[in-house]
């Protein structure tokens, strides 16, 4: 074979730090960092407090307004009665409007008057009402209301505002022809002060009552609503791990919440029963699948025994002819051909050993563990598969330390590498490449095989190492990876698939050996 058609195999002696990758760890979902909301009992208590304050204050305001109106009306009636009584007294003492008599009558009345009242008598002089007597100091001029009472000969009652609120009662004096007007004013300031004090007290009592109501509602809500809902919530939160491990909801609180807890418990029991049925069905399907696999293995074992018996003699004959061919090339001093024939003899002898073990014990040969250089084994397998790499248009590259020693059976390691490299060749397209890396640490040696091909379907990763599971359709048996992992574990190591962004990546781990 021409040298230009050989695959590129580079054995580098540069120091490469061993790289070991941990299998992917499934992360748990992050906890919700949202701050907890106010509980139902607190929300109801808060709303109840607001509603109680508004309702109590509203009712208090209405009651105080009605009371103030009633008292103001009582003051009006008392003011009118007081003004009529004083008018009768003055008309008896001064029937004609004598100013002196009017002054004496007002002075006598003022000694027994109320402190909140004031009386002023206006008499007509040349068509103008002039003050004739007053019980509260100098009197001012008569207003339009006094003239209206005089002209209409009727009693006028008005409510005064401003800084000195009160009732103003205007009564005309005179039997047939009025000669003047009596102006009586009764202050309502004390009534307003009383209403203000009562309103403050009522508001304070309303707030205290609202807070007590809110506290009572909070306590009752926490007991009748909050606690049952919290228990049901905790039970539902525990159901995330599955209905079988979920705690039962306690039946506490009012009848409605007890019924809700009962319905939840019935649902949990029904789901747990369905989960048990599903688990049992899945186990049954798994057992059926394993039974079918055992049947296929039994048939395969029987067929393999027959094949081993039939190919045993041809293998021995092939081995003899290859030895003769090696001797002929040796006589011709063609060392390159001698090396290739020796490599073929090694593989034929390994296959013959497998055949003998299948005929004798019905299983793989027992491992012959020894210290072996994994770099040398990988180089030997690359040279053996050189024609396959060339035909597929795939390049292969080996990167390793100077010596990577493992305690293993070289033949079994070659079989594992043969399966991995064969899978890579079948999956890659012309122009792709395969990278082989050997590395080790204090307790473990490894060989990593990676490529830049299309990689594996994520759905197929869960069944990679199951017997008869293949992604090649009718062209694959589904035994290569299963056998390879079994051989790796027989040697005390393992075969792992490492997820990669591009292509497929495999790691064969073996116990570290002692370098010679």
Protein backbone atom coordinates (compact mmCIF):
# COMPACT_ATOMS: atom_id res chain seq x y z
CA UNK A 1 0.00 0.00 0.00
CA UNK A 2 1.40 3.41 -0.96
CA UNK A 3 2.61 5.64 1.82
CA UNK A 4 0.48 8.53 0.64
CA UNK A 5 -2.72 6.62 1.43
CA UNK A 6 -1.88 5.91 5.08
CA UNK A 7 -3.96 7.65 7.76
CA UNK A 8 -2.19 10.35 9.70
CA UNK A 9 -1.06 8.91 13.06
CA UNK A 10 1.03 11.17 15.27
CA UNK A 11 2.57 9.93 18.51
CA UNK A 12 3.53 13.07 20.41
CA UNK A 13 5.85 12.93 23.38
CA UNK A 14 4.85 16.30 24.78
CA UNK A 15 3.50 16.31 28.31
CA UNK A 16 -0.26 16.39 28.41
CA UNK A 17 -1.98 16.93 31.74
CA UNK A 18 -4.53 14.21 32.43
CA UNK A 19 -8.05 15.49 32.11
CA UNK A 20 -10.89 13.66 33.82
CA UNK A 21 -14.49 14.77 33.48
CA UNK A 22 -17.14 14.09 36.04
CA UNK A 23 -20.46 12.81 34.75
CA UNK A 24 -23.13 15.49 34.46
CA UNK A 25 -24.95 16.22 37.69
CA UNK A 26 -28.65 16.90 37.57
CA UNK A 27 -29.23 20.20 39.29
CA UNK A 28 -32.18 20.72 41.51
CA UNK A 29 -34.53 23.56 40.60
CA UNK A 30 -33.68 26.81 42.34
CA UNK A 31 -35.83 27.81 45.26
CA UNK A 32 -38.26 30.59 44.69
CA UNK A 33 -36.67 33.83 45.94
CA UNK A 34 -39.93 35.76 45.87
CA UNK A 35 -40.67 37.25 49.33
CA UNK A 36 -43.63 35.54 51.04
CA UNK A 37 -46.93 37.31 50.74
CA UNK A 38 -49.13 38.33 53.64
CA UNK A 39 -51.07 35.35 54.91
CA UNK A 40 -54.80 34.98 54.43
CA UNK A 41 -55.54 35.57 58.11
CA UNK A 42 -53.53 38.79 58.10
CA UNK A 43 -55.11 39.99 54.88
CA UNK A 44 -58.59 39.35 56.21
CA UNK A 45 -57.72 41.03 59.51
CA UNK A 46 -56.30 44.04 57.68
CA UNK A 47 -59.33 44.37 55.43
CA UNK A 48 -61.67 43.83 58.36
CA UNK A 49 -59.90 46.55 60.34
CA UNK A 50 -60.25 49.01 57.47
CA UNK A 51 -63.92 48.14 56.92
CA UNK A 52 -64.65 48.25 60.66
CA UNK A 53 -62.99 51.65 61.01
CA UNK A 54 -64.88 53.05 58.03
CA UNK A 55 -68.21 51.60 59.13
CA UNK A 56 -67.88 52.57 62.78
CA UNK A 57 -66.63 56.06 61.96
CA UNK A 58 -69.40 56.52 59.41
CA UNK A 59 -72.06 55.37 61.84
CA UNK A 60 -70.57 57.52 64.59
CA UNK A 61 -70.51 60.57 62.34
CA UNK A 62 -74.15 60.06 61.34
CA UNK A 63 -75.19 59.58 64.99
CA UNK A 64 -73.29 62.68 66.09
CA UNK A 65 -74.73 64.73 63.25
CA UNK A 66 -78.29 63.69 64.18
CA UNK A 67 -77.59 64.40 67.86
CA UNK A 68 -76.13 67.83 67.05
CA UNK A 69 -79.13 68.69 64.89
CA UNK A 70 -81.50 67.59 67.61
CA UNK A 71 -79.71 69.63 70.26
CA UNK A 72 -79.53 72.61 67.92
CA UNK A 73 -83.26 72.36 67.34
CA UNK A 74 -83.81 72.17 71.11
CA UNK A 75 -81.72 75.32 71.49
CA UNK A 76 -83.85 77.01 68.85
CA UNK A 77 -87.07 76.17 70.63
CA UNK A 78 -85.64 77.27 73.98
CA UNK A 79 -84.38 80.50 72.41
CA UNK A 80 -87.82 81.25 70.92
CA UNK A 81 -89.52 80.49 74.25
CA UNK A 82 -87.01 82.70 76.07
CA UNK A 83 -87.56 85.57 73.62
CA UNK A 84 -91.39 85.30 73.85
CA UNK A 85 -91.25 85.26 77.65
CA UNK A 86 -89.08 88.37 77.74
CA UNK A 87 -91.29 90.13 75.14
CA UNK A 88 -94.40 89.46 77.26
CA UNK A 89 -92.63 90.84 80.33
CA UNK A 90 -91.55 94.00 78.51
CA UNK A 91 -94.99 94.63 76.98
CA UNK A 92 -96.55 94.40 80.46
CA UNK A 93 -94.06 96.82 81.98
CA UNK A 94 -93.90 99.19 78.98
CA UNK A 95 -97.06 98.81 76.92
CA UNK A 96 -96.38 102.08 75.09
CA UNK A 97 -92.64 101.67 74.66
CA UNK A 98 -91.40 103.84 77.50
CA UNK A 99 -87.59 103.61 77.30
CA UNK A 100 -87.10 103.76 81.05
CA UNK A 101 -89.58 100.97 81.66
CA UNK A 102 -87.97 98.93 78.92
CA UNK A 103 -84.52 99.48 80.47
CA UNK A 104 -85.79 98.42 83.91
CA UNK A 105 -87.39 95.31 82.48
CA UNK A 106 -84.24 94.32 80.59
CA UNK A 107 -82.09 95.06 83.64
CA UNK A 108 -84.30 92.91 85.85
CA UNK A 109 -84.25 90.10 83.30
CA UNK A 110 -80.46 90.29 82.89
CA UNK A 111 -79.92 89.50 86.54
CA UNK A 112 -81.57 86.11 86.03
CA UNK A 113 -80.57 85.52 82.39
CA UNK A 114 -78.37 82.74 81.10
CA UNK A 115 -74.73 83.58 80.53
CA UNK A 116 -74.95 82.46 76.89
CA UNK A 117 -77.83 84.85 76.01
CA UNK A 118 -78.06 88.57 75.23
CA UNK A 119 -81.16 90.81 74.83
CA UNK A 120 -81.46 94.17 73.05
CA UNK A 121 -84.60 96.34 72.67
CA UNK A 122 -84.98 98.56 69.60
CA UNK A 123 -87.75 101.21 69.51
CA UNK A 124 -89.00 103.15 66.52
CA UNK A 125 -87.93 106.78 66.52
CA UNK A 126 -88.76 108.76 63.40
CA UNK A 127 -89.00 105.54 61.37
CA UNK A 128 -85.64 104.22 62.54
CA UNK A 129 -85.04 101.42 65.05
CA UNK A 130 -82.79 102.73 67.75
CA UNK A 131 -81.41 100.73 70.70
CA UNK A 132 -83.29 101.57 73.91
CA UNK A 133 -81.90 98.94 76.30
CA UNK A 134 -79.35 96.12 76.21
CA UNK A 135 -78.22 93.39 78.62
CA UNK A 136 -74.78 92.87 77.13
CA UNK A 137 -73.16 96.29 76.88
CA UNK A 138 -73.50 98.77 74.02
CA UNK A 139 -75.80 97.54 71.27
CA UNK A 140 -75.19 97.96 67.60
CA UNK A 141 -77.56 99.21 64.93
CA UNK A 142 -80.53 97.12 63.98
CA UNK A 143 -80.10 94.92 60.91
CA UNK A 144 -82.52 94.22 58.08
CA UNK A 145 -83.91 91.21 59.90
CA UNK A 146 -85.18 93.48 62.69
CA UNK A 147 -86.98 95.73 60.19
CA UNK A 148 -88.54 92.71 58.54
CA UNK A 149 -89.86 91.45 61.88
CA UNK A 150 -91.23 94.95 62.63
CA UNK A 151 -92.91 95.39 59.27
CA UNK A 152 -94.36 91.88 59.10
CA UNK A 153 -95.27 91.82 62.78
CA UNK A 154 -93.86 88.25 62.97
CA UNK A 155 -91.15 86.49 64.94
CA UNK A 156 -87.96 85.92 62.96
CA UNK A 157 -85.49 83.16 63.90
CA UNK A 158 -82.02 82.85 62.36
CA UNK A 159 -78.88 80.78 63.01
CA UNK A 160 -75.76 82.92 63.28
CA UNK A 161 -72.32 81.68 62.27
CA UNK A 162 -68.81 83.01 62.44
CA UNK A 163 -66.78 83.54 65.60
CA UNK A 164 -69.86 83.85 67.85
CA UNK A 165 -72.41 81.30 66.64
CA UNK A 166 -75.90 81.15 68.08
CA UNK A 167 -79.63 81.61 67.54
CA UNK A 168 -81.09 85.11 66.86
CA UNK A 169 -84.75 85.59 67.74
CA UNK A 170 -86.51 88.88 66.75
CA UNK A 171 -89.92 89.51 68.38
CA UNK A 172 -92.00 92.70 67.59
CA UNK A 173 -93.16 94.65 70.71
CA UNK A 174 -96.63 96.15 70.88
CA UNK A 175 -100.14 94.80 70.87
CA UNK A 176 -101.76 96.38 67.84
CA UNK A 177 -99.08 98.71 66.54
CA UNK A 178 -95.46 97.56 67.14
CA UNK A 179 -93.33 100.22 68.72
CA UNK A 180 -90.11 98.25 68.68
CA UNK A 181 -88.32 94.91 68.30
CA UNK A 182 -86.75 92.62 70.90
CA UNK A 183 -83.49 91.01 69.69
CA UNK A 184 -82.50 87.93 71.76
CA UNK A 185 -79.32 85.99 70.89
CA UNK A 186 -78.47 82.63 72.50
CA UNK A 187 -74.90 81.35 71.95
CA UNK A 188 -74.37 77.77 70.72
CA UNK A 189 -70.58 77.71 71.28
CA UNK A 190 -70.89 75.32 74.19
CA UNK A 191 -72.97 73.01 72.05
CA UNK A 192 -70.28 73.00 69.35
CA UNK A 193 -67.53 72.38 71.91
CA UNK A 194 -69.50 69.49 73.32
CA UNK A 195 -70.03 68.03 69.83
CA UNK A 196 -66.31 68.27 69.09
CA UNK A 197 -65.35 66.50 72.31
CA UNK A 198 -67.98 63.83 71.74
CA UNK A 199 -66.74 63.31 68.18
CA UNK A 200 -63.16 62.82 69.37
CA UNK A 201 -64.23 60.33 72.01
CA UNK A 202 -66.44 58.50 69.53
CA UNK A 203 -63.60 58.29 66.98
CA UNK A 204 -61.24 56.91 69.61
CA UNK A 205 -63.76 54.31 70.71
CA UNK A 206 -64.47 53.48 67.05
CA UNK A 207 -60.77 52.85 66.32
CA UNK A 208 -60.38 50.70 69.44
CA UNK A 209 -63.51 48.74 68.54
CA UNK A 210 -62.29 48.27 64.96
CA UNK A 211 -58.92 46.98 66.15
CA UNK A 212 -60.59 44.57 68.56
CA UNK A 213 -62.87 43.34 65.78
CA UNK A 214 -59.88 42.95 63.44
CA UNK A 215 -57.99 41.04 66.13
CA UNK A 216 -60.95 38.75 66.68
CA UNK A 217 -61.32 38.19 62.94
CA UNK A 218 -57.59 37.47 62.62
CA UNK A 219 -57.68 34.91 65.40
CA UNK A 220 -60.79 33.21 64.09
CA UNK A 221 -59.58 33.32 60.48
CA UNK A 222 -56.19 31.88 61.45
CA UNK A 223 -57.94 29.07 63.29
CA UNK A 224 -60.80 28.36 60.90
CA UNK A 225 -59.22 29.27 57.56
CA UNK A 226 -55.47 29.88 57.79
CA UNK A 227 -54.48 26.69 59.56
CA UNK A 228 -56.57 24.30 57.41
CA UNK A 229 -55.33 25.97 54.21
CA UNK A 230 -51.72 25.86 55.41
CA UNK A 231 -51.99 22.14 56.20
CA UNK A 232 -53.53 21.40 52.81
CA UNK A 233 -50.83 23.51 51.13
CA UNK A 234 -48.07 21.58 52.90
CA UNK A 235 -49.66 18.30 51.87
CA UNK A 236 -49.86 19.46 48.24
CA UNK A 237 -46.24 20.65 48.34
CA UNK A 238 -45.19 17.19 49.48
CA UNK A 239 -47.06 15.68 46.51
CA UNK A 240 -44.41 17.04 44.13
CA UNK A 241 -42.26 14.02 45.01
CA UNK A 242 -45.03 11.67 44.00
CA UNK A 243 -48.39 10.65 45.37
CA UNK A 244 -47.00 7.64 47.27
CA UNK A 245 -44.65 9.75 49.39
CA UNK A 246 -47.06 12.67 49.80
CA UNK A 247 -48.41 13.24 53.34
CA UNK A 248 -52.14 13.11 53.97
CA UNK A 249 -53.95 16.39 54.57
CA UNK A 250 -55.33 16.61 58.15
CA UNK A 251 -59.10 17.08 58.33
CA UNK A 252 -59.31 20.15 60.57
CA UNK A 253 -61.25 23.40 60.58
CA UNK A 254 -64.82 24.02 59.40
CA UNK A 255 -66.84 21.41 57.55
CA UNK A 256 -65.96 22.89 54.15
CA UNK A 257 -62.22 22.53 54.73
CA UNK A 258 -62.65 19.05 56.17
CA UNK A 259 -64.48 18.04 53.01
CA UNK A 260 -61.73 19.63 50.90
CA UNK A 261 -59.07 17.67 52.82
CA UNK A 262 -61.07 14.45 52.37
CA UNK A 263 -61.37 15.02 48.64
CA UNK A 264 -57.63 15.72 48.40
CA UNK A 265 -56.80 12.56 50.35
CA UNK A 266 -59.05 10.51 48.06
CA UNK A 267 -57.29 12.00 45.04
CA UNK A 268 -53.88 11.28 46.59
CA UNK A 269 -54.82 7.67 47.27
CA UNK A 270 -56.15 7.26 43.73
CA UNK A 271 -52.95 8.73 42.25
CA UNK A 272 -50.80 6.55 44.51
CA UNK A 273 -52.70 3.49 43.33
CA UNK A 274 -52.23 4.57 39.71
CA UNK A 275 -48.51 5.11 40.35
CA UNK A 276 -48.22 1.62 41.81
CA UNK A 277 -50.04 0.21 38.79
CA UNK A 278 -47.74 2.14 36.44
CA UNK A 279 -44.64 1.00 38.32
CA UNK A 280 -45.84 -2.60 38.28
CA UNK A 281 -46.64 -2.36 34.56
CA UNK A 282 -43.25 -0.82 33.85
CA UNK A 283 -41.55 -3.57 35.88
CA UNK A 284 -43.51 -6.20 34.00
CA UNK A 285 -42.52 -4.69 30.66
CA UNK A 286 -38.90 -4.56 31.82
CA UNK A 287 -39.01 -8.20 32.87
CA UNK A 288 -40.57 -9.15 29.54
CA UNK A 289 -37.88 -7.20 27.71
CA UNK A 290 -35.15 -8.89 29.77
CA UNK A 291 -36.74 -12.27 29.12
CA UNK A 292 -36.73 -11.58 25.40
CA UNK A 293 -33.10 -10.46 25.71
CA UNK A 294 -32.20 -13.67 27.55
CA UNK A 295 -33.94 -15.68 24.84
CA UNK A 296 -31.99 -13.83 22.19
CA UNK A 297 -28.78 -14.28 24.17
CA UNK A 298 -29.47 -17.98 24.51
CA UNK A 299 -30.07 -18.29 20.77
CA UNK A 300 -27.00 -16.18 20.10
CA UNK A 301 -24.92 -18.31 22.47
CA UNK A 302 -26.09 -21.46 20.74
CA UNK A 303 -25.34 -19.95 17.34
CA UNK A 304 -21.99 -18.64 18.56
CA UNK A 305 -21.03 -22.10 19.81
CA UNK A 306 -21.86 -23.54 16.41
CA UNK A 307 -19.98 -20.81 14.60
CA UNK A 308 -16.98 -21.23 16.91
CA UNK A 309 -16.88 -24.91 16.12
CA UNK A 310 -17.13 -24.29 12.38
CA UNK A 311 -14.58 -21.46 12.17
CA UNK A 312 -12.06 -22.97 14.55
CA UNK A 313 -10.34 -25.12 11.88
CA UNK A 314 -10.27 -22.36 9.21
CA UNK A 315 -8.75 -19.97 11.76
CA UNK A 316 -5.98 -22.47 12.54
CA UNK A 317 -5.33 -22.96 8.83
CA UNK A 318 -5.31 -19.17 8.29
CA UNK A 319 -2.86 -18.77 11.15
CA UNK A 320 -0.54 -21.40 9.62
CA UNK A 321 -0.55 -19.78 6.19
CA UNK A 322 0.09 -16.35 7.69
CA UNK A 323 3.11 -17.79 9.51
CA UNK A 324 4.43 -19.19 6.23
CA UNK A 325 3.80 -15.82 4.56
CA UNK A 326 5.70 -14.11 7.36
CA UNK A 327 8.66 -16.42 6.87
CA UNK A 328 8.65 -15.78 3.11
CA UNK A 329 8.70 -12.01 3.65
CA UNK A 330 11.45 -12.45 6.19
CA UNK A 331 13.54 -14.33 3.60
CA UNK A 332 12.88 -11.45 1.17
CA UNK A 333 13.89 -8.97 3.93
CA UNK A 334 10.60 -7.05 3.51
CA UNK A 335 10.31 -5.82 7.10
CA UNK A 336 7.20 -3.71 6.42
CA UNK A 337 5.31 -6.75 5.15
CA UNK A 338 6.60 -8.84 8.05
CA UNK A 339 5.22 -6.31 10.54
CA UNK A 340 1.83 -6.30 8.87
CA UNK A 341 1.63 -10.09 8.83
CA UNK A 342 2.62 -10.19 12.51
CA UNK A 343 -0.18 -7.73 13.28
CA UNK A 344 -2.65 -9.94 11.43
CA UNK A 345 -1.35 -13.01 13.27
CA UNK A 346 -1.89 -11.25 16.59
CA UNK A 347 -5.53 -10.51 15.78
CA UNK A 348 -6.10 -14.02 14.39
CA UNK A 349 -4.64 -15.53 17.57
CA UNK A 350 -6.90 -13.25 19.68
CA UNK A 351 -9.98 -14.38 17.72
CA UNK A 352 -8.85 -18.01 18.01
CA UNK A 353 -8.60 -17.57 21.79
CA UNK A 354 -12.15 -16.21 21.92
CA UNK A 355 -13.35 -19.17 19.87
CA UNK A 356 -11.59 -21.67 22.14
CA UNK A 357 -13.09 -20.00 25.25
CA UNK A 358 -16.55 -20.12 23.70
CA UNK A 359 -16.19 -23.82 22.97
CA UNK A 360 -14.72 -24.69 26.38
CA UNK A 361 -16.65 -22.43 28.80
CA UNK A 362 -19.32 -20.72 26.69
CA UNK A 363 -17.97 -17.25 27.64
CA UNK A 364 -15.17 -14.78 26.98
CA UNK A 365 -11.62 -15.81 27.89
CA UNK A 366 -10.52 -15.04 31.41
CA UNK A 367 -8.56 -11.80 31.56
CA UNK A 368 -4.80 -12.07 31.80
CA UNK A 369 -3.99 -8.89 33.74
CA UNK A 370 -0.56 -7.40 33.25
CA UNK A 371 1.07 -3.98 33.03
CA UNK A 372 0.46 -2.65 29.53
CA UNK A 373 1.16 0.66 27.81
CA UNK A 374 -2.16 2.10 26.63
CA UNK A 375 -0.37 4.34 24.12
CA UNK A 376 1.24 1.29 22.51
CA UNK A 377 -2.11 -0.52 22.40
CA UNK A 378 -3.82 2.50 20.79
CA UNK A 379 -1.01 2.81 18.22
CA UNK A 380 -1.31 -0.87 17.37
CA UNK A 381 -5.08 -0.62 16.86
CA UNK A 382 -4.70 2.46 14.64
CA UNK A 383 -2.26 0.59 12.45
CA UNK A 384 -4.62 -2.40 12.34
CA UNK A 385 -7.55 -0.21 11.23
CA UNK A 386 -5.41 1.81 8.83
CA UNK A 387 -7.11 0.43 5.69
CA UNK A 388 -10.58 1.09 7.15
CA UNK A 389 -9.66 4.72 7.96
CA UNK A 390 -8.25 5.18 4.45
CA UNK A 391 -11.32 3.76 2.72
CA UNK A 392 -13.64 5.98 4.82
CA UNK A 393 -11.57 9.14 4.23
CA UNK A 394 -11.22 9.67 7.97
CA UNK A 395 -8.05 10.82 9.71
CA UNK A 396 -6.92 9.57 13.11
CA UNK A 397 -4.66 11.31 15.60
CA UNK A 398 -3.14 9.99 18.83
CA UNK A 399 -2.14 12.34 21.64
CA UNK A 400 -0.55 10.87 24.73
CA UNK A 401 2.09 11.05 27.37
CA UNK A 402 5.31 9.14 26.92
CA UNK A 403 4.02 6.15 28.89
CA UNK A 404 0.52 5.45 30.22
CA UNK A 405 0.62 2.15 32.10
CA UNK A 406 -2.54 0.29 33.07
CA UNK A 407 -3.15 -3.04 34.81
CA UNK A 408 -5.26 -4.79 32.15
CA UNK A 409 -5.56 -7.53 29.56
CA UNK A 410 -4.21 -6.00 26.31
CA UNK A 411 -6.41 -8.24 24.19
CA UNK A 412 -9.60 -7.07 25.90
CA UNK A 413 -8.51 -3.43 25.66
CA UNK A 414 -7.87 -3.95 21.94
CA UNK A 415 -11.38 -5.41 21.56
CA UNK A 416 -12.91 -2.35 23.30
CA UNK A 417 -10.92 0.08 21.14
CA UNK A 418 -11.83 -1.90 18.05
CA UNK A 419 -15.56 -1.50 18.80
CA UNK A 420 -15.25 2.24 19.53
CA UNK A 421 -13.13 3.01 16.46
CA UNK A 422 -15.34 0.85 14.22
CA UNK A 423 -18.43 2.78 15.40
CA UNK A 424 -16.64 6.08 14.72
CA UNK A 425 -15.64 5.03 11.20
CA UNK A 426 -19.21 3.98 10.38
CA UNK A 427 -20.69 7.23 11.74
CA UNK A 428 -18.23 9.72 10.19
CA UNK A 429 -18.15 11.22 6.71
CA UNK A 430 -15.07 11.77 4.55
CA UNK A 431 -13.06 14.65 5.94
CA UNK A 432 -13.96 14.02 9.60
CA UNK A 433 -11.38 13.00 12.18
CA UNK A 434 -10.97 10.80 15.26
CA UNK A 435 -8.91 11.88 18.26
CA UNK A 436 -7.46 9.34 20.71
CA UNK A 437 -6.00 10.58 23.99
CA UNK A 438 -4.36 8.57 26.74
CA UNK A 439 -3.91 9.95 30.23
CA UNK A 440 -3.59 8.82 33.84
CA UNK A 441 -3.40 9.92 37.46
CA UNK A 442 -2.30 8.17 40.64
CA UNK A 443 -5.06 5.52 40.67
CA UNK A 444 -6.53 5.43 37.17
CA UNK A 445 -5.48 5.33 33.54
CA UNK A 446 -7.79 6.14 30.68
CA UNK A 447 -8.20 6.25 26.92
CA UNK A 448 -10.56 8.82 25.41
CA UNK A 449 -11.94 8.43 21.89
CA UNK A 450 -13.67 11.46 20.40
CA UNK A 451 -14.74 12.53 16.92
CA UNK A 452 -16.19 15.57 15.19
CA UNK A 453 -19.12 13.80 13.59
CA UNK A 454 -22.86 14.25 14.03
CA UNK A 455 -22.87 12.77 17.53
CA UNK A 456 -25.61 10.72 19.16
CA UNK A 457 -29.33 11.32 19.37
CA UNK A 458 -30.18 12.43 22.96
CA UNK A 459 -33.03 9.89 23.01
CA UNK A 460 -30.56 7.07 22.40
CA UNK A 461 -28.21 7.95 25.27
CA UNK A 462 -30.32 6.16 27.88
CA UNK A 463 -30.05 2.80 26.04
CA UNK A 464 -26.48 2.98 24.75
CA UNK A 465 -25.13 0.06 26.79
CA UNK A 466 -28.23 -2.18 26.68
CA UNK A 467 -27.81 -5.37 24.66
CA UNK A 468 -29.47 -5.35 21.22
CA UNK A 469 -29.98 -1.58 21.40
CA UNK A 470 -28.62 -0.03 18.22
CA UNK A 471 -28.97 3.17 16.19
CA UNK A 472 -27.80 1.49 12.96
CA UNK A 473 -31.06 -0.28 12.17
CA UNK A 474 -30.62 -3.66 10.49
CA UNK A 475 -26.90 -3.05 10.01
CA UNK A 476 -26.11 -3.24 13.75
CA UNK A 477 -26.48 -5.95 16.38
CA UNK A 478 -26.53 -3.68 19.44
CA UNK A 479 -23.86 -5.77 21.21
CA UNK A 480 -20.66 -3.79 20.62
CA UNK A 481 -21.04 -1.22 23.40
CA UNK A 482 -22.66 -3.69 25.81
CA UNK A 483 -19.76 -6.14 25.35
CA UNK A 484 -17.21 -3.33 25.61
CA UNK A 485 -18.58 -2.07 28.93
CA UNK A 486 -18.75 -5.63 30.24
CA UNK A 487 -15.09 -6.19 29.34
CA UNK A 488 -14.09 -2.82 30.89
CA UNK A 489 -15.81 -3.66 34.17
CA UNK A 490 -14.29 -7.13 34.12
CA UNK A 491 -10.89 -5.42 34.09
CA UNK A 492 -11.87 -3.24 37.08
CA UNK A 493 -12.60 -0.12 35.02
CA UNK A 494 -15.57 1.27 33.14
CA UNK A 495 -16.66 2.63 29.77
CA UNK A 496 -18.45 5.98 29.87
CA UNK A 497 -20.16 8.21 27.34
CA UNK A 498 -19.32 11.89 27.86
CA UNK A 499 -21.78 14.43 26.43
CA UNK A 500 -20.06 16.79 24.01
CA UNK A 501 -21.11 19.83 22.01
CA UNK A 502 -19.96 18.14 18.80
CA UNK A 503 -19.51 14.52 17.93
CA UNK A 504 -19.28 11.60 20.33
CA UNK A 505 -16.84 11.17 23.18
CA UNK A 506 -16.02 7.96 25.06
CA UNK A 507 -13.75 7.26 28.01
CA UNK A 508 -12.31 3.89 28.94
CA UNK A 509 -10.99 3.88 32.52
CA UNK A 510 -8.67 1.19 33.86
CA UNK A 511 -6.69 0.68 37.08
CA UNK A 512 -3.30 2.34 36.89
CA UNK A 513 -0.34 -0.02 36.56
CA UNK A 514 3.24 0.21 37.73
CA UNK A 515 5.58 1.62 35.11
CA UNK A 516 8.59 -0.59 34.39
